[in-house]
Amino acid sequence: MKPKAPLIDTDIIIDITKGKNPNVLKKAQAYIAQYSRYAISQITVAELAHGFYKREGTMQSLRELLKQCCVIRLNRESAILAGKIAARLESAGQRIGFADTLIAAIAIENGGVIITANMKHFQRVAALGYSLTVENWRQ
């Protein structure tokens, strides 16, 4: 059985589409060779759509990008986990924004690996003791 594909955060998917960072491109090619499609969250889809609309991009461009992706849905367990993570981070005075909290919970529920350049936010979640491995393809 194939391992679950690591979840790719919005910033890295954008990097892939821009094609400017050789480290990201090399790792993206290896990822596609292993998993065939990029795993992203529903939250990333919303963030991408926001960006496309903000810059008056076409929905066709977004749809073409999404053809290369497997979209991991927010389910009941990951939604509850996101609420718990958000509460714990808030209590510790280390809020990260609710979108990243949702993405972290989806990653934890789906194999425990997030690929992002936003190390600061996701390492805060891991520091709470959650099984979350944070990888930065930009380095």
N, C-alpha and C. Protein backbone atom coordinates (compact mmCIF):
# COMPACT_ATOMS: atom_id res chain seq x y z
N MET A 1 0.84 -1.18 0.00
CA MET A 1 0.00 0.00 0.00
C MET A 1 0.89 1.25 0.00
N LYS A 2 0.56 2.20 -0.87
CA LYS A 2 1.30 3.45 -0.96
C LYS A 2 1.08 4.31 0.28
N PRO A 3 2.14 4.97 0.76
CA PRO A 3 1.92 5.90 1.88
C PRO A 3 1.09 7.08 1.40
N LYS A 4 0.41 7.72 2.34
CA LYS A 4 -0.37 8.90 1.99
C LYS A 4 0.57 10.00 1.53
N ALA A 5 0.15 10.73 0.53
CA ALA A 5 0.96 11.82 0.01
C ALA A 5 1.00 12.96 1.01
N PRO A 6 2.17 13.55 1.23
CA PRO A 6 2.25 14.72 2.10
C PRO A 6 1.36 15.84 1.57
N LEU A 7 0.78 16.61 2.46
CA LEU A 7 -0.09 17.71 2.08
C LEU A 7 0.76 18.92 1.71
N ILE A 8 0.46 19.52 0.57
CA ILE A 8 1.22 20.68 0.11
C ILE A 8 0.43 21.94 0.44
N ASP A 9 1.09 22.86 1.12
CA ASP A 9 0.46 24.12 1.52
C ASP A 9 0.37 25.06 0.32
N THR A 10 -0.45 26.06 0.47
CA THR A 10 -0.75 27.01 -0.59
C THR A 10 0.50 27.69 -1.14
N ASP A 11 1.40 28.11 -0.27
CA ASP A 11 2.58 28.83 -0.74
C ASP A 11 3.44 27.98 -1.67
N ILE A 12 3.55 26.69 -1.40
CA ILE A 12 4.38 25.82 -2.22
C ILE A 12 3.68 25.50 -3.55
N ILE A 13 2.36 25.32 -3.54
CA ILE A 13 1.64 25.11 -4.80
C ILE A 13 1.82 26.34 -5.70
N ILE A 14 1.78 27.52 -5.12
CA ILE A 14 2.00 28.74 -5.90
C ILE A 14 3.42 28.75 -6.45
N ASP A 15 4.39 28.36 -5.63
CA ASP A 15 5.77 28.27 -6.10
C ASP A 15 5.89 27.32 -7.29
N ILE A 16 5.21 26.18 -7.20
CA ILE A 16 5.25 25.19 -8.28
C ILE A 16 4.72 25.81 -9.57
N THR A 17 3.59 26.52 -9.47
CA THR A 17 2.99 27.10 -10.68
C THR A 17 3.86 28.21 -11.27
N LYS A 18 4.57 28.93 -10.43
CA LYS A 18 5.44 30.00 -10.94
C LYS A 18 6.72 29.43 -11.56
N GLY A 19 7.18 28.27 -11.07
CA GLY A 19 8.33 27.60 -11.65
C GLY A 19 9.66 28.31 -11.52
N LYS A 20 9.82 29.14 -10.51
CA LYS A 20 11.04 29.94 -10.39
C LYS A 20 12.09 29.36 -9.43
N ASN A 21 11.65 28.59 -8.44
CA ASN A 21 12.59 28.07 -7.44
C ASN A 21 13.03 26.67 -7.84
N PRO A 22 14.32 26.50 -8.19
CA PRO A 22 14.79 25.18 -8.64
C PRO A 22 14.65 24.08 -7.58
N ASN A 23 14.80 24.44 -6.30
CA ASN A 23 14.63 23.44 -5.24
C ASN A 23 13.20 22.93 -5.21
N VAL A 24 12.24 23.85 -5.30
CA VAL A 24 10.83 23.47 -5.28
C VAL A 24 10.51 22.62 -6.51
N LEU A 25 10.98 23.02 -7.66
CA LEU A 25 10.69 22.27 -8.89
C LEU A 25 11.26 20.85 -8.86
N LYS A 26 12.47 20.71 -8.37
CA LYS A 26 13.10 19.38 -8.28
C LYS A 26 12.29 18.48 -7.34
N LYS A 27 11.92 19.01 -6.20
CA LYS A 27 11.17 18.21 -5.23
C LYS A 27 9.75 17.94 -5.72
N ALA A 28 9.17 18.88 -6.45
CA ALA A 28 7.83 18.69 -7.01
C ALA A 28 7.84 17.57 -8.06
N GLN A 29 8.87 17.52 -8.86
CA GLN A 29 8.98 16.45 -9.86
C GLN A 29 9.09 15.08 -9.19
N ALA A 30 9.90 14.99 -8.15
CA ALA A 30 10.03 13.73 -7.41
C ALA A 30 8.70 13.35 -6.76
N TYR A 31 7.99 14.33 -6.24
CA TYR A 31 6.68 14.11 -5.60
C TYR A 31 5.70 13.53 -6.62
N ILE A 32 5.62 14.16 -7.79
CA ILE A 32 4.70 13.70 -8.84
C ILE A 32 5.09 12.29 -9.30
N ALA A 33 6.37 12.02 -9.40
CA ALA A 33 6.82 10.68 -9.79
C ALA A 33 6.35 9.63 -8.79
N GLN A 34 6.32 9.98 -7.52
CA GLN A 34 5.91 9.04 -6.48
C GLN A 34 4.40 8.97 -6.31
N TYR A 35 3.71 10.11 -6.33
CA TYR A 35 2.28 10.15 -5.97
C TYR A 35 1.34 10.46 -7.14
N SER A 36 1.85 10.93 -8.25
CA SER A 36 1.13 11.25 -9.50
C SER A 36 0.31 12.55 -9.46
N ARG A 37 -0.13 12.98 -8.30
CA ARG A 37 -0.88 14.24 -8.17
C ARG A 37 -0.49 14.92 -6.86
N TYR A 38 -0.62 16.24 -6.83
CA TYR A 38 -0.35 16.99 -5.62
C TYR A 38 -1.53 16.87 -4.66
N ALA A 39 -1.25 16.61 -3.41
CA ALA A 39 -2.31 16.57 -2.38
C ALA A 39 -2.38 17.95 -1.74
N ILE A 40 -3.57 18.56 -1.86
CA ILE A 40 -3.80 19.87 -1.24
C ILE A 40 -5.11 19.80 -0.48
N SER A 41 -5.31 20.73 0.42
CA SER A 41 -6.53 20.75 1.22
C SER A 41 -7.60 21.61 0.55
N GLN A 42 -8.84 21.42 0.99
CA GLN A 42 -9.93 22.29 0.55
C GLN A 42 -9.63 23.75 0.90
N ILE A 43 -8.93 23.95 2.00
CA ILE A 43 -8.60 25.30 2.43
C ILE A 43 -7.66 25.95 1.42
N THR A 44 -6.70 25.18 0.92
CA THR A 44 -5.79 25.68 -0.11
C THR A 44 -6.55 26.04 -1.37
N VAL A 45 -7.55 25.24 -1.74
CA VAL A 45 -8.37 25.57 -2.91
C VAL A 45 -9.02 26.94 -2.71
N ALA A 46 -9.57 27.18 -1.53
CA ALA A 46 -10.20 28.47 -1.25
C ALA A 46 -9.17 29.61 -1.30
N GLU A 47 -7.99 29.38 -0.74
CA GLU A 47 -6.95 30.41 -0.77
C GLU A 47 -6.49 30.69 -2.21
N LEU A 48 -6.36 29.63 -3.01
CA LEU A 48 -5.99 29.82 -4.41
C LEU A 48 -7.07 30.59 -5.17
N ALA A 49 -8.33 30.22 -4.95
CA ALA A 49 -9.43 30.92 -5.62
C ALA A 49 -9.43 32.40 -5.23
N HIS A 50 -9.20 32.67 -3.96
CA HIS A 50 -9.12 34.06 -3.49
C HIS A 50 -8.05 34.82 -4.27
N GLY A 51 -6.88 34.20 -4.39
CA GLY A 51 -5.77 34.83 -5.11
C GLY A 51 -6.08 35.04 -6.59
N PHE A 52 -6.70 34.04 -7.23
CA PHE A 52 -7.05 34.17 -8.65
C PHE A 52 -8.05 35.29 -8.86
N TYR A 53 -9.07 35.36 -8.02
CA TYR A 53 -10.08 36.41 -8.15
C TYR A 53 -9.50 37.79 -7.85
N LYS A 54 -8.64 37.85 -6.85
CA LYS A 54 -8.04 39.12 -6.46
C LYS A 54 -7.19 39.70 -7.60
N ARG A 55 -6.49 38.83 -8.31
CA ARG A 55 -5.65 39.28 -9.41
C ARG A 55 -6.37 39.15 -10.75
N GLU A 56 -7.68 38.95 -10.68
CA GLU A 56 -8.51 38.82 -11.86
C GLU A 56 -8.01 37.73 -12.80
N GLY A 57 -7.54 36.63 -12.21
CA GLY A 57 -7.16 35.47 -12.99
C GLY A 57 -8.41 34.75 -13.47
N THR A 58 -8.24 33.88 -14.40
CA THR A 58 -9.40 33.16 -14.92
C THR A 58 -9.65 31.91 -14.09
N MET A 59 -10.90 31.56 -13.97
CA MET A 59 -11.23 30.31 -13.27
C MET A 59 -10.70 29.13 -14.07
N GLN A 60 -10.57 29.28 -15.38
CA GLN A 60 -10.01 28.20 -16.21
C GLN A 60 -8.58 27.88 -15.76
N SER A 61 -7.80 28.92 -15.44
CA SER A 61 -6.43 28.70 -14.96
C SER A 61 -6.44 27.93 -13.65
N LEU A 62 -7.34 28.29 -12.76
CA LEU A 62 -7.44 27.59 -11.49
C LEU A 62 -7.88 26.14 -11.72
N ARG A 63 -8.85 25.94 -12.58
CA ARG A 63 -9.32 24.58 -12.86
C ARG A 63 -8.21 23.71 -13.46
N GLU A 64 -7.38 24.29 -14.31
CA GLU A 64 -6.26 23.55 -14.90
C GLU A 64 -5.27 23.13 -13.80
N LEU A 65 -4.99 24.04 -12.89
CA LEU A 65 -4.11 23.71 -11.77
C LEU A 65 -4.71 22.59 -10.93
N LEU A 66 -5.99 22.68 -10.65
CA LEU A 66 -6.64 21.70 -9.78
C LEU A 66 -6.71 20.31 -10.42
N LYS A 67 -6.60 20.21 -11.74
CA LYS A 67 -6.56 18.90 -12.40
C LYS A 67 -5.32 18.10 -11.98
N GLN A 68 -4.29 18.81 -11.53
CA GLN A 68 -3.05 18.17 -11.11
C GLN A 68 -3.06 17.82 -9.62
N CYS A 69 -4.20 18.05 -8.97
CA CYS A 69 -4.27 17.94 -7.51
C CYS A 69 -5.34 16.95 -7.05
N CYS A 70 -5.05 16.34 -5.93
CA CYS A 70 -6.03 15.56 -5.18
C CYS A 70 -6.41 16.46 -4.00
N VAL A 71 -7.68 16.82 -3.91
CA VAL A 71 -8.12 17.74 -2.87
C VAL A 71 -8.59 16.94 -1.65
N ILE A 72 -7.91 17.16 -0.53
CA ILE A 72 -8.25 16.47 0.71
C ILE A 72 -9.28 17.32 1.45
N ARG A 73 -10.38 16.71 1.74
CA ARG A 73 -11.50 17.43 2.35
C ARG A 73 -11.33 17.58 3.87
N LEU A 74 -11.94 18.63 4.36
CA LEU A 74 -12.05 18.84 5.80
C LEU A 74 -13.19 17.95 6.28
N ASN A 75 -12.87 16.99 7.14
CA ASN A 75 -13.93 16.12 7.68
C ASN A 75 -14.19 16.50 9.14
N ARG A 76 -15.13 15.80 9.74
CA ARG A 76 -15.51 16.11 11.12
C ARG A 76 -14.33 16.03 12.08
N GLU A 77 -13.52 14.98 11.95
CA GLU A 77 -12.40 14.79 12.87
C GLU A 77 -11.36 15.90 12.72
N SER A 78 -11.04 16.24 11.47
CA SER A 78 -10.05 17.30 11.29
C SER A 78 -10.60 18.67 11.69
N ALA A 79 -11.90 18.89 11.53
CA ALA A 79 -12.52 20.15 11.97
C ALA A 79 -12.45 20.28 13.49
N ILE A 80 -12.75 19.19 14.18
CA ILE A 80 -12.68 19.20 15.65
C ILE A 80 -11.23 19.40 16.10
N LEU A 81 -10.31 18.71 15.45
CA LEU A 81 -8.89 18.86 15.78
C LEU A 81 -8.43 20.29 15.54
N ALA A 82 -8.88 20.90 14.45
CA ALA A 82 -8.50 22.30 14.17
C ALA A 82 -8.96 23.23 15.29
N GLY A 83 -10.17 23.02 15.77
CA GLY A 83 -10.67 23.83 16.88
C GLY A 83 -9.83 23.65 18.13
N LYS A 84 -9.44 22.42 18.40
CA LYS A 84 -8.60 22.13 19.58
C LYS A 84 -7.23 22.80 19.44
N ILE A 85 -6.63 22.66 18.25
CA ILE A 85 -5.32 23.27 18.01
C ILE A 85 -5.41 24.78 18.15
N ALA A 86 -6.44 25.38 17.55
CA ALA A 86 -6.61 26.84 17.62
C ALA A 86 -6.73 27.30 19.07
N ALA A 87 -7.51 26.58 19.86
CA ALA A 87 -7.69 26.94 21.27
C ALA A 87 -6.37 26.84 22.04
N ARG A 88 -5.63 25.77 21.80
CA ARG A 88 -4.35 25.59 22.50
C ARG A 88 -3.34 26.66 22.10
N LEU A 89 -3.28 26.98 20.81
CA LEU A 89 -2.36 28.02 20.35
C LEU A 89 -2.75 29.39 20.92
N GLU A 90 -4.05 29.66 20.93
CA GLU A 90 -4.53 30.93 21.47
C GLU A 90 -4.19 31.04 22.96
N SER A 91 -4.39 29.96 23.70
CA SER A 91 -4.06 29.96 25.14
C SER A 91 -2.58 30.22 25.37
N ALA A 92 -1.76 29.76 24.43
CA ALA A 92 -0.31 29.95 24.54
C ALA A 92 0.14 31.29 23.97
N GLY A 93 -0.81 32.08 23.46
CA GLY A 93 -0.47 33.37 22.87
C GLY A 93 0.26 33.23 21.54
N GLN A 94 -0.03 32.15 20.80
CA GLN A 94 0.69 31.87 19.56
C GLN A 94 -0.24 31.60 18.38
N ARG A 95 -1.24 32.41 18.22
CA ARG A 95 -2.19 32.24 17.12
C ARG A 95 -1.48 32.16 15.78
N ILE A 96 -2.04 31.37 14.87
CA ILE A 96 -1.45 31.26 13.53
C ILE A 96 -2.44 31.57 12.42
N GLY A 97 -3.63 31.92 12.75
CA GLY A 97 -4.66 32.15 11.74
C GLY A 97 -5.44 30.86 11.52
N PHE A 98 -6.74 31.00 11.37
CA PHE A 98 -7.57 29.80 11.34
C PHE A 98 -7.36 28.95 10.09
N ALA A 99 -7.04 29.57 8.95
CA ALA A 99 -6.79 28.79 7.73
C ALA A 99 -5.63 27.82 7.95
N ASP A 100 -4.53 28.30 8.54
CA ASP A 100 -3.38 27.42 8.79
C ASP A 100 -3.71 26.36 9.83
N THR A 101 -4.55 26.69 10.78
CA THR A 101 -4.98 25.71 11.77
C THR A 101 -5.75 24.58 11.09
N LEU A 102 -6.65 24.94 10.18
CA LEU A 102 -7.41 23.92 9.43
C LEU A 102 -6.49 23.07 8.57
N ILE A 103 -5.55 23.71 7.88
CA ILE A 103 -4.61 22.97 7.03
C ILE A 103 -3.77 22.02 7.88
N ALA A 104 -3.31 22.48 9.03
CA ALA A 104 -2.51 21.63 9.92
C ALA A 104 -3.31 20.41 10.37
N ALA A 105 -4.56 20.62 10.74
CA ALA A 105 -5.39 19.50 11.19
C ALA A 105 -5.63 18.51 10.07
N ILE A 106 -5.87 18.99 8.87
CA ILE A 106 -6.05 18.09 7.71
C ILE A 106 -4.77 17.30 7.48
N ALA A 107 -3.62 17.96 7.57
CA ALA A 107 -2.35 17.26 7.39
C ALA A 107 -2.15 16.18 8.46
N ILE A 108 -2.44 16.50 9.70
CA ILE A 108 -2.29 15.54 10.80
C ILE A 108 -3.19 14.33 10.58
N GLU A 109 -4.42 14.57 10.18
CA GLU A 109 -5.38 13.48 9.96
C GLU A 109 -5.07 12.66 8.71
N ASN A 110 -4.19 13.15 7.84
CA ASN A 110 -3.91 12.48 6.58
C ASN A 110 -2.43 12.14 6.40
N GLY A 111 -1.80 11.68 7.43
CA GLY A 111 -0.43 11.21 7.31
C GLY A 111 0.60 12.01 8.08
N GLY A 112 0.26 13.23 8.48
CA GLY A 112 1.12 13.98 9.38
C GLY A 112 2.28 14.74 8.77
N VAL A 113 2.25 15.00 7.44
CA VAL A 113 3.33 15.76 6.81
C VAL A 113 2.74 16.94 6.06
N ILE A 114 3.31 18.12 6.28
CA ILE A 114 2.91 19.33 5.55
C ILE A 114 4.15 19.90 4.87
N ILE A 115 4.01 20.24 3.61
CA ILE A 115 5.10 20.86 2.85
C ILE A 115 4.75 22.33 2.71
N THR A 116 5.57 23.18 3.29
CA THR A 116 5.27 24.61 3.37
C THR A 116 6.55 25.42 3.54
N ALA A 117 6.48 26.67 3.21
CA ALA A 117 7.57 27.59 3.54
C ALA A 117 7.24 28.35 4.82
N ASN A 118 6.03 28.17 5.31
CA ASN A 118 5.58 28.85 6.52
C ASN A 118 5.92 27.99 7.74
N MET A 119 7.20 27.82 7.94
CA MET A 119 7.69 26.95 9.01
C MET A 119 7.22 27.44 10.39
N LYS A 120 7.25 28.73 10.59
CA LYS A 120 6.93 29.31 11.89
C LYS A 120 5.55 28.88 12.39
N HIS A 121 4.54 28.98 11.54
CA HIS A 121 3.18 28.62 11.96
C HIS A 121 3.04 27.13 12.23
N PHE A 122 3.48 26.32 11.29
CA PHE A 122 3.24 24.88 11.42
C PHE A 122 4.14 24.23 12.47
N GLN A 123 5.32 24.79 12.72
CA GLN A 123 6.16 24.27 13.80
C GLN A 123 5.54 24.56 15.16
N ARG A 124 4.75 25.61 15.26
CA ARG A 124 4.03 25.87 16.52
C ARG A 124 3.05 24.75 16.82
N VAL A 125 2.40 24.24 15.78
CA VAL A 125 1.46 23.12 15.96
C VAL A 125 2.24 21.88 16.39
N ALA A 126 3.33 21.59 15.72
CA ALA A 126 4.15 20.42 16.07
C ALA A 126 4.68 20.54 17.50
N ALA A 127 5.02 21.76 17.91
CA ALA A 127 5.56 21.98 19.26
C ALA A 127 4.53 21.68 20.34
N LEU A 128 3.25 21.66 19.98
CA LEU A 128 2.20 21.30 20.95
C LEU A 128 2.14 19.80 21.18
N GLY A 129 2.93 19.04 20.42
CA GLY A 129 2.96 17.60 20.60
C GLY A 129 2.17 16.82 19.55
N TYR A 130 1.64 17.52 18.56
CA TYR A 130 0.91 16.83 17.49
C TYR A 130 1.89 16.18 16.54
N SER A 131 1.47 15.08 15.95
CA SER A 131 2.30 14.35 15.00
C SER A 131 2.25 15.06 13.66
N LEU A 132 3.09 16.07 13.50
CA LEU A 132 3.14 16.86 12.29
C LEU A 132 4.59 17.11 11.92
N THR A 133 4.97 16.62 10.76
CA THR A 133 6.30 16.86 10.23
C THR A 133 6.20 18.01 9.24
N VAL A 134 7.06 18.99 9.38
CA VAL A 134 7.02 20.19 8.55
C VAL A 134 8.26 20.20 7.65
N GLU A 135 8.02 20.25 6.33
CA GLU A 135 9.11 20.27 5.35
C GLU A 135 9.04 21.55 4.54
N ASN A 136 10.20 22.15 4.26
CA ASN A 136 10.27 23.36 3.45
C ASN A 136 11.04 23.04 2.18
N TRP A 137 10.34 23.03 1.06
CA TRP A 137 10.97 22.73 -0.23
C TRP A 137 11.79 23.89 -0.77
N ARG A 138 11.63 25.07 -0.22
CA ARG A 138 12.40 26.21 -0.73
C ARG A 138 13.87 26.12 -0.35
N GLN A 139 14.18 25.36 0.68
CA GLN A 139 15.58 25.27 1.16
C GLN A 139 16.32 24.16 0.45
